[in-house]
Amino acid sequence: LGFRWFSPLIGWDVLAATYMAWTWAVIWSYDPAQTASHAEFEGPGRQTVFALILGGALASLVGVGVLLAKARPDHVTSVAPSVAV
């Protein structure tokens, strides 16, 4: 399989890592009161973020399925570790 089949999964991994790093960078130094205040501020947009993350997770599952479907039967074992990442 060529790089073009892996690029959506690589993009998803980069996006997920960026989201996690950004989130931790924002909340790392918060004390309990600051965390509660930030949670109240972020509360109204929580459903939108949940929908975006759920949509991205479903898209990544589709990407894995497409990648496995495009792999030749004798090369599935060589593609599986790449998909696992």
PDB file of N, CA and C in Angstrom:
ATOM      1  N   LEU A   1       0.833  -1.193   0.000  1.00  0.00           N
ATOM      2  CA  LEU A   1       0.000   0.000   0.000  1.00  0.00           C
ATOM      3  C   LEU A   1       0.868   1.243   0.000  1.00  0.00           C
ATOM      4  N   GLY A   2       0.424   2.222  -0.732  1.00  0.00           N
ATOM      5  CA  GLY A   2       1.179   3.463  -0.813  1.00  0.00           C
ATOM      6  C   GLY A   2       0.887   4.394   0.353  1.00  0.00           C
ATOM      7  N   PHE A   3       1.659   5.464   0.408  1.00  0.00           N
ATOM      8  CA  PHE A   3       1.514   6.448   1.477  1.00  0.00           C
ATOM      9  C   PHE A   3       0.122   7.068   1.500  1.00  0.00           C
ATOM     10  N   ARG A   4      -0.505   7.177   0.336  1.00  0.00           N
ATOM     11  CA  ARG A   4      -1.816   7.842   0.285  1.00  0.00           C
ATOM     12  C   ARG A   4      -2.863   7.114   1.108  1.00  0.00           C
ATOM     13  N   TRP A   5      -2.708   5.812   1.311  1.00  0.00           N
ATOM     14  CA  TRP A   5      -3.670   5.074   2.124  1.00  0.00           C
ATOM     15  C   TRP A   5      -3.429   5.300   3.611  1.00  0.00           C
ATOM     16  N   PHE A   6      -2.197   5.620   3.981  1.00  0.00           N
ATOM     17  CA  PHE A   6      -1.882   5.853   5.381  1.00  0.00           C
ATOM     18  C   PHE A   6      -2.073   7.310   5.798  1.00  0.00           C
ATOM     19  N   SER A   7      -2.103   8.224   4.854  1.00  0.00           N
ATOM     20  CA  SER A   7      -2.139   9.649   5.190  1.00  0.00           C
ATOM     21  C   SER A   7      -3.354  10.060   6.031  1.00  0.00           C
ATOM     22  N   PRO A   8      -4.573   9.553   5.796  1.00  0.00           N
ATOM     23  CA  PRO A   8      -5.674   9.939   6.687  1.00  0.00           C
ATOM     24  C   PRO A   8      -5.456   9.476   8.124  1.00  0.00           C
ATOM     25  N   LEU A   9      -4.891   8.291   8.293  1.00  0.00           N
ATOM     26  CA  LEU A   9      -4.642   7.805   9.645  1.00  0.00           C
ATOM     27  C   LEU A   9      -3.523   8.585  10.318  1.00  0.00           C
ATOM     28  N   ILE A  10      -2.514   8.952   9.556  1.00  0.00           N
ATOM     29  CA  ILE A  10      -1.435   9.772  10.109  1.00  0.00           C
ATOM     30  C   ILE A  10      -1.988  11.146  10.495  1.00  0.00           C
ATOM     31  N   GLY A  11      -2.835  11.705   9.654  1.00  0.00           N
ATOM     32  CA  GLY A  11      -3.471  12.984   9.966  1.00  0.00           C
ATOM     33  C   GLY A  11      -4.301  12.914  11.233  1.00  0.00           C
ATOM     34  N   TRP A  12      -5.041  11.828  11.406  1.00  0.00           N
ATOM     35  CA  TRP A  12      -5.843  11.641  12.612  1.00  0.00           C
ATOM     36  C   TRP A  12      -4.947  11.556  13.846  1.00  0.00           C
ATOM     37  N   ASP A  13      -3.849  10.821  13.744  1.00  0.00           N
ATOM     38  CA  ASP A  13      -2.922  10.706  14.873  1.00  0.00           C
ATOM     39  C   ASP A  13      -2.332  12.064  15.243  1.00  0.00           C
ATOM     40  N   VAL A  14      -1.953  12.846  14.242  1.00  0.00           N
ATOM     41  CA  VAL A  14      -1.391  14.176  14.501  1.00  0.00           C
ATOM     42  C   VAL A  14      -2.446  15.075  15.142  1.00  0.00           C
ATOM     43  N   LEU A  15      -3.664  15.026  14.645  1.00  0.00           N
ATOM     44  CA  LEU A  15      -4.743  15.834  15.206  1.00  0.00           C
ATOM     45  C   LEU A  15      -5.020  15.448  16.656  1.00  0.00           C
ATOM     46  N   ALA A  16      -5.084  14.156  16.937  1.00  0.00           N
ATOM     47  CA  ALA A  16      -5.347  13.697  18.301  1.00  0.00           C
ATOM     48  C   ALA A  16      -4.219  14.103  19.245  1.00  0.00           C
ATOM     49  N   ALA A  17      -2.980  13.957  18.813  1.00  0.00           N
ATOM     50  CA  ALA A  17      -1.842  14.344  19.652  1.00  0.00           C
ATOM     51  C   ALA A  17      -1.834  15.852  19.899  1.00  0.00           C
ATOM     52  N   THR A  18      -2.175  16.635  18.880  1.00  0.00           N
ATOM     53  CA  THR A  18      -2.234  18.087  19.034  1.00  0.00           C
ATOM     54  C   THR A  18      -3.328  18.479  20.015  1.00  0.00           C
ATOM     55  N   TYR A  19      -4.489  17.841  19.914  1.00  0.00           N
ATOM     56  CA  TYR A  19      -5.606  18.131  20.821  1.00  0.00           C
ATOM     57  C   TYR A  19      -5.219  17.812  22.263  1.00  0.00           C
ATOM     58  N   MET A  20      -4.594  16.659  22.463  1.00  0.00           N
ATOM     59  CA  MET A  20      -4.185  16.290  23.822  1.00  0.00           C
ATOM     60  C   MET A  20      -3.133  17.256  24.367  1.00  0.00           C
ATOM     61  N   ALA A  21      -2.141  17.600  23.564  1.00  0.00           N
ATOM     62  CA  ALA A  21      -1.093  18.514  24.020  1.00  0.00           C
ATOM     63  C   ALA A  21      -1.672  19.893  24.333  1.00  0.00           C
ATOM     64  N   TRP A  22      -2.567  20.362  23.493  1.00  0.00           N
ATOM     65  CA  TRP A  22      -3.185  21.667  23.699  1.00  0.00           C
ATOM     66  C   TRP A  22      -3.997  21.668  25.000  1.00  0.00           C
ATOM     67  N   THR A  23      -4.784  20.619  25.199  1.00  0.00           N
ATOM     68  CA  THR A  23      -5.599  20.524  26.405  1.00  0.00           C
ATOM     69  C   THR A  23      -4.730  20.506  27.654  1.00  0.00           C
ATOM     70  N   TRP A  24      -3.706  19.677  27.661  1.00  0.00           N
ATOM     71  CA  TRP A  24      -2.821  19.601  28.825  1.00  0.00           C
ATOM     72  C   TRP A  24      -2.072  20.906  29.038  1.00  0.00           C
ATOM     73  N   ALA A  25      -1.679  21.580  27.978  1.00  0.00           N
ATOM     74  CA  ALA A  25      -0.982  22.860  28.123  1.00  0.00           C
ATOM     75  C   ALA A  25      -1.876  23.897  28.796  1.00  0.00           C
ATOM     76  N   VAL A  26      -3.178  23.815  28.531  1.00  0.00           N
ATOM     77  CA  VAL A  26      -4.112  24.777  29.120  1.00  0.00           C
ATOM     78  C   VAL A  26      -4.376  24.462  30.589  1.00  0.00           C
ATOM     79  N   ILE A  27      -4.602  23.198  30.934  1.00  0.00           N
ATOM     80  CA  ILE A  27      -5.069  22.870  32.283  1.00  0.00           C
ATOM     81  C   ILE A  27      -3.984  22.373  33.234  1.00  0.00           C
ATOM     82  N   TRP A  28      -2.760  22.220  32.775  1.00  0.00           N
ATOM     83  CA  TRP A  28      -1.706  21.615  33.594  1.00  0.00           C
ATOM     84  C   TRP A  28      -1.500  22.344  34.921  1.00  0.00           C
ATOM     85  N   SER A  29      -1.475  23.644  34.905  1.00  0.00           N
ATOM     86  CA  SER A  29      -1.137  24.401  36.113  1.00  0.00           C
ATOM     87  C   SER A  29      -2.356  24.845  36.921  1.00  0.00           C
ATOM     88  N   TYR A  30      -3.543  24.404  36.544  1.00  0.00           N
ATOM     89  CA  TYR A  30      -4.749  24.847  37.247  1.00  0.00           C
ATOM     90  C   TYR A  30      -4.861  24.192  38.618  1.00  0.00           C
ATOM     91  N   ASP A  31      -5.337  24.994  39.579  1.00  0.00           N
ATOM     92  CA  ASP A  31      -5.704  24.424  40.870  1.00  0.00           C
ATOM     93  C   ASP A  31      -7.186  24.031  40.780  1.00  0.00           C
ATOM     94  N   PRO A  32      -7.753  23.415  41.824  1.00  0.00           N
ATOM     95  CA  PRO A  32      -9.158  22.974  41.732  1.00  0.00           C
ATOM     96  C   PRO A  32     -10.146  24.092  41.404  1.00  0.00           C
ATOM     97  N   ALA A  33      -9.950  25.269  41.961  1.00  0.00           N
ATOM     98  CA  ALA A  33     -10.884  26.373  41.689  1.00  0.00           C
ATOM     99  C   ALA A  33     -10.791  26.826  40.233  1.00  0.00           C
ATOM    100  N   GLN A  34      -9.580  26.920  39.712  1.00  0.00           N
ATOM    101  CA  GLN A  34      -9.410  27.311  38.310  1.00  0.00           C
ATOM    102  C   GLN A  34      -9.979  26.246  37.378  1.00  0.00           C
ATOM    103  N   THR A  35      -9.807  24.981  37.737  1.00  0.00           N
ATOM    104  CA  THR A  35     -10.349  23.894  36.920  1.00  0.00           C
ATOM    105  C   THR A  35     -11.869  23.974  36.867  1.00  0.00           C
ATOM    106  N   ALA A  36     -12.497  24.225  38.025  1.00  0.00           N
ATOM    107  CA  ALA A  36     -13.955  24.347  38.066  1.00  0.00           C
ATOM    108  C   ALA A  36     -14.430  25.537  37.244  1.00  0.00           C
ATOM    109  N   SER A  37     -13.733  26.652  37.349  1.00  0.00           N
ATOM    110  CA  SER A  37     -14.100  27.840  36.577  1.00  0.00           C
ATOM    111  C   SER A  37     -13.962  27.586  35.079  1.00  0.00           C
ATOM    112  N   HIS A  38     -12.878  26.935  34.701  1.00  0.00           N
ATOM    113  CA  HIS A  38     -12.658  26.633  33.285  1.00  0.00           C
ATOM    114  C   HIS A  38     -13.717  25.662  32.763  1.00  0.00           C
ATOM    115  N   ALA A  39     -14.092  24.689  33.582  1.00  0.00           N
ATOM    116  CA  ALA A  39     -15.111  23.719  33.172  1.00  0.00           C
ATOM    117  C   ALA A  39     -16.460  24.398  32.963  1.00  0.00           C
ATOM    118  N   GLU A  40     -16.797  25.355  33.823  1.00  0.00           N
ATOM    119  CA  GLU A  40     -18.055  26.084  33.651  1.00  0.00           C
ATOM    120  C   GLU A  40     -18.029  26.926  32.380  1.00  0.00           C
ATOM    121  N   PHE A  41     -16.883  27.519  32.084  1.00  0.00           N
ATOM    122  CA  PHE A  41     -16.740  28.332  30.876  1.00  0.00           C
ATOM    123  C   PHE A  41     -16.852  27.469  29.620  1.00  0.00           C
ATOM    124  N   GLU A  42     -16.274  26.268  29.650  1.00  0.00           N
ATOM    125  CA  GLU A  42     -16.278  25.370  28.498  1.00  0.00           C
ATOM    126  C   GLU A  42     -17.576  24.576  28.381  1.00  0.00           C
ATOM    127  N   GLY A  43     -18.399  24.577  29.405  1.00  0.00           N
ATOM    128  CA  GLY A  43     -19.603  23.756  29.454  1.00  0.00           C
ATOM    129  C   GLY A  43     -20.525  23.849  28.248  1.00  0.00           C
ATOM    130  N   PRO A  44     -20.910  25.055  27.802  1.00  0.00           N
ATOM    131  CA  PRO A  44     -21.849  25.144  26.679  1.00  0.00           C
ATOM    132  C   PRO A  44     -21.342  24.517  25.381  1.00  0.00           C
ATOM    133  N   GLY A  45     -20.051  24.511  25.149  1.00  0.00           N
ATOM    134  CA  GLY A  45     -19.512  23.946  23.916  1.00  0.00           C
ATOM    135  C   GLY A  45     -19.160  22.476  24.013  1.00  0.00           C
ATOM    136  N   ARG A  46     -19.437  21.871  25.158  1.00  0.00           N
ATOM    137  CA  ARG A  46     -19.044  20.484  25.384  1.00  0.00           C
ATOM    138  C   ARG A  46     -19.706  19.531  24.396  1.00  0.00           C
ATOM    139  N   GLN A  47     -20.966  19.742  24.092  1.00  0.00           N
ATOM    140  CA  GLN A  47     -21.663  18.842  23.168  1.00  0.00           C
ATOM    141  C   GLN A  47     -21.093  18.942  21.759  1.00  0.00           C
ATOM    142  N   THR A  48     -20.689  20.124  21.358  1.00  0.00           N
ATOM    143  CA  THR A  48     -20.075  20.287  20.038  1.00  0.00           C
ATOM    144  C   THR A  48     -18.750  19.549  19.968  1.00  0.00           C
ATOM    145  N   VAL A  49     -17.933  19.697  21.003  1.00  0.00           N
ATOM    146  CA  VAL A  49     -16.641  19.005  21.042  1.00  0.00           C
ATOM    147  C   VAL A  49     -16.858  17.498  21.055  1.00  0.00           C
ATOM    148  N   PHE A  50     -17.827  17.034  21.838  1.00  0.00           N
ATOM    149  CA  PHE A  50     -18.128  15.603  21.882  1.00  0.00           C
ATOM    150  C   PHE A  50     -18.535  15.097  20.502  1.00  0.00           C
ATOM    151  N   ALA A  51     -19.373  15.842  19.801  1.00  0.00           N
ATOM    152  CA  ALA A  51     -19.806  15.427  18.462  1.00  0.00           C
ATOM    153  C   ALA A  51     -18.631  15.388  17.490  1.00  0.00           C
ATOM    154  N   LEU A  52     -17.739  16.369  17.573  1.00  0.00           N
ATOM    155  CA  LEU A  52     -16.566  16.383  16.692  1.00  0.00           C
ATOM    156  C   LEU A  52     -15.635  15.209  16.981  1.00  0.00           C
ATOM    157  N   ILE A  53     -15.406  14.917  18.244  1.00  0.00           N
ATOM    158  CA  ILE A  53     -14.528  13.796  18.599  1.00  0.00           C
ATOM    159  C   ILE A  53     -15.168  12.477  18.200  1.00  0.00           C
ATOM    160  N   LEU A  54     -16.462  12.332  18.426  1.00  0.00           N
ATOM    161  CA  LEU A  54     -17.155  11.109  18.028  1.00  0.00           C
ATOM    162  C   LEU A  54     -17.115  10.936  16.511  1.00  0.00           C
ATOM    163  N   GLY A  55     -17.345  12.008  15.771  1.00  0.00           N
ATOM    164  CA  GLY A  55     -17.262  11.935  14.310  1.00  0.00           C
ATOM    165  C   GLY A  55     -15.870  11.567  13.834  1.00  0.00           C
ATOM    166  N   GLY A  56     -14.865  12.140  14.463  1.00  0.00           N
ATOM    167  CA  GLY A  56     -13.489  11.798  14.113  1.00  0.00           C
ATOM    168  C   GLY A  56     -13.148  10.357  14.430  1.00  0.00           C
ATOM    169  N   ALA A  57     -13.641   9.863  15.558  1.00  0.00           N
ATOM    170  CA  ALA A  57     -13.391   8.467  15.921  1.00  0.00           C
ATOM    171  C   ALA A  57     -14.057   7.519  14.926  1.00  0.00           C
ATOM    172  N   LEU A  58     -15.270   7.834  14.526  1.00  0.00           N
ATOM    173  CA  LEU A  58     -15.948   6.994  13.533  1.00  0.00           C
ATOM    174  C   LEU A  58     -15.228   7.052  12.191  1.00  0.00           C
ATOM    175  N   ALA A  59     -14.762   8.232  11.819  1.00  0.00           N
ATOM    176  CA  ALA A  59     -14.008   8.358  10.569  1.00  0.00           C
ATOM    177  C   ALA A  59     -12.711   7.558  10.625  1.00  0.00           C
ATOM    178  N   SER A  60     -12.071   7.523  11.785  1.00  0.00           N
ATOM    179  CA  SER A  60     -10.835   6.745  11.897  1.00  0.00           C
ATOM    180  C   SER A  60     -11.120   5.254  11.793  1.00  0.00           C
ATOM    181  N   LEU A  61     -12.247   4.810  12.329  1.00  0.00           N
ATOM    182  CA  LEU A  61     -12.619   3.401  12.171  1.00  0.00           C
ATOM    183  C   LEU A  61     -12.867   3.062  10.707  1.00  0.00           C
ATOM    184  N   VAL A  62     -13.514   3.964   9.999  1.00  0.00           N
ATOM    185  CA  VAL A  62     -13.725   3.754   8.565  1.00  0.00           C
ATOM    186  C   VAL A  62     -12.378   3.717   7.848  1.00  0.00           C
ATOM    187  N   GLY A  63     -11.473   4.603   8.233  1.00  0.00           N
ATOM    188  CA  GLY A  63     -10.139   4.616   7.629  1.00  0.00           C
ATOM    189  C   GLY A  63      -9.390   3.318   7.845  1.00  0.00           C
ATOM    190  N   VAL A  64      -9.480   2.776   9.039  1.00  0.00           N
ATOM    191  CA  VAL A  64      -8.835   1.489   9.321  1.00  0.00           C
ATOM    192  C   VAL A  64      -9.467   0.398   8.474  1.00  0.00           C
ATOM    193  N   GLY A  65     -10.791   0.420   8.375  1.00  0.00           N
ATOM    194  CA  GLY A  65     -11.469  -0.579   7.551  1.00  0.00           C
ATOM    195  C   GLY A  65     -11.063  -0.498   6.094  1.00  0.00           C
ATOM    196  N   VAL A  66     -10.982   0.705   5.563  1.00  0.00           N
ATOM    197  CA  VAL A  66     -10.560   0.887   4.166  1.00  0.00           C
ATOM    198  C   VAL A  66      -9.132   0.412   3.981  1.00  0.00           C
ATOM    199  N   LEU A  67      -8.267   0.763   4.913  1.00  0.00           N
ATOM    200  CA  LEU A  67      -6.870   0.356   4.814  1.00  0.00           C
ATOM    201  C   LEU A  67      -6.735  -1.163   4.835  1.00  0.00           C
ATOM    202  N   LEU A  68      -7.457  -1.813   5.725  1.00  0.00           N
ATOM    203  CA  LEU A  68      -7.400  -3.273   5.781  1.00  0.00           C
ATOM    204  C   LEU A  68      -8.040  -3.904   4.549  1.00  0.00           C
ATOM    205  N   ALA A  69      -9.095  -3.283   4.025  1.00  0.00           N
ATOM    206  CA  ALA A  69      -9.743  -3.826   2.833  1.00  0.00           C
ATOM    207  C   ALA A  69      -8.846  -3.701   1.605  1.00  0.00           C
ATOM    208  N   LYS A  70      -8.044  -2.641   1.544  1.00  0.00           N
ATOM    209  CA  LYS A  70      -7.163  -2.438   0.395  1.00  0.00           C
ATOM    210  C   LYS A  70      -5.895  -3.287   0.465  1.00  0.00           C
ATOM    211  N   ALA A  71      -5.580  -3.781   1.648  1.00  0.00           N
ATOM    212  CA  ALA A  71      -4.373  -4.605   1.784  1.00  0.00           C
ATOM    213  C   ALA A  71      -4.605  -5.960   1.126  1.00  0.00           C
ATOM    214  N   ARG A  72      -3.584  -6.457   0.499  1.00  0.00           N
ATOM    215  CA  ARG A  72      -3.686  -7.787  -0.094  1.00  0.00           C
ATOM    216  C   ARG A  72      -3.725  -8.805   1.035  1.00  0.00           C
ATOM    217  N   PRO A  73      -4.437  -9.903   0.837  1.00  0.00           N
ATOM    218  CA  PRO A  73      -4.564 -10.894   1.914  1.00  0.00           C
ATOM    219  C   PRO A  73      -3.224 -11.393   2.454  1.00  0.00           C
ATOM    220  N   ASP A  74      -2.225 -11.503   1.611  1.00  0.00           N
ATOM    221  CA  ASP A  74      -0.933 -11.995   2.085  1.00  0.00           C
ATOM    222  C   ASP A  74      -0.106 -10.912   2.778  1.00  0.00           C
ATOM    223  N   HIS A  75      -0.578  -9.650   2.760  1.00  0.00           N
ATOM    224  CA  HIS A  75       0.155  -8.565   3.403  1.00  0.00           C
ATOM    225  C   HIS A  75      -0.603  -7.944   4.571  1.00  0.00           C
ATOM    226  N   VAL A  76      -1.718  -8.526   4.977  1.00  0.00           N
ATOM    227  CA  VAL A  76      -2.500  -7.955   6.076  1.00  0.00           C
ATOM    228  C   VAL A  76      -1.672  -7.910   7.352  1.00  0.00           C
ATOM    229  N   THR A  77      -0.864  -8.939   7.587  1.00  0.00           N
ATOM    230  CA  THR A  77      -0.061  -8.943   8.811  1.00  0.00           C
ATOM    231  C   THR A  77       0.990  -7.841   8.809  1.00  0.00           C
ATOM    232  N   SER A  78       1.431  -7.391   7.653  1.00  0.00           N
ATOM    233  CA  SER A  78       2.399  -6.291   7.613  1.00  0.00           C
ATOM    234  C   SER A  78       1.719  -4.933   7.748  1.00  0.00           C
ATOM    235  N   VAL A  79       0.437  -4.849   7.439  1.00  0.00           N
ATOM    236  CA  VAL A  79      -0.299  -3.594   7.560  1.00  0.00           C
ATOM    237  C   VAL A  79      -0.831  -3.415   8.982  1.00  0.00           C
ATOM    238  N   ALA A  80      -1.137  -4.507   9.663  1.00  0.00           N
ATOM    239  CA  ALA A  80      -1.751  -4.435  10.988  1.00  0.00           C
ATOM    240  C   ALA A  80      -0.954  -3.601  11.988  1.00  0.00           C
ATOM    241  N   PRO A  81       0.376  -3.739  12.097  1.00  0.00           N
ATOM    242  CA  PRO A  81       1.094  -2.876  13.051  1.00  0.00           C
ATOM    243  C   PRO A  81       0.978  -1.391  12.722  1.00  0.00           C
ATOM    244  N   SER A  82       0.951  -1.043  11.459  1.00  0.00           N
ATOM    245  CA  SER A  82       0.810   0.362  11.070  1.00  0.00           C
ATOM    246  C   SER A  82      -0.565   0.890  11.438  1.00  0.00           C
ATOM    247  N   VAL A  83      -1.574   0.060  11.294  1.00  0.00           N
ATOM    248  CA  VAL A  83      -2.933   0.460  11.649  1.00  0.00           C
ATOM    249  C   VAL A  83      -3.053   0.609  13.160  1.00  0.00           C
ATOM    250  N   ALA A  84      -2.370  -0.241  13.906  1.00  0.00           N
ATOM    251  CA  ALA A  84      -2.438  -0.193  15.361  1.00  0.00           C
ATOM    252  C   ALA A  84      -1.888   1.112  15.919  1.00  0.00           C
ATOM    253  N   VAL A  85      -0.950   1.705  15.214  1.00  0.00           N
ATOM    254  CA  VAL A  85      -0.367   2.966  15.686  1.00  0.00           C
ATOM    255  C   VAL A  85      -1.411   4.052  15.543  1.00  0.00           C
TER     256      VAL A  85
END
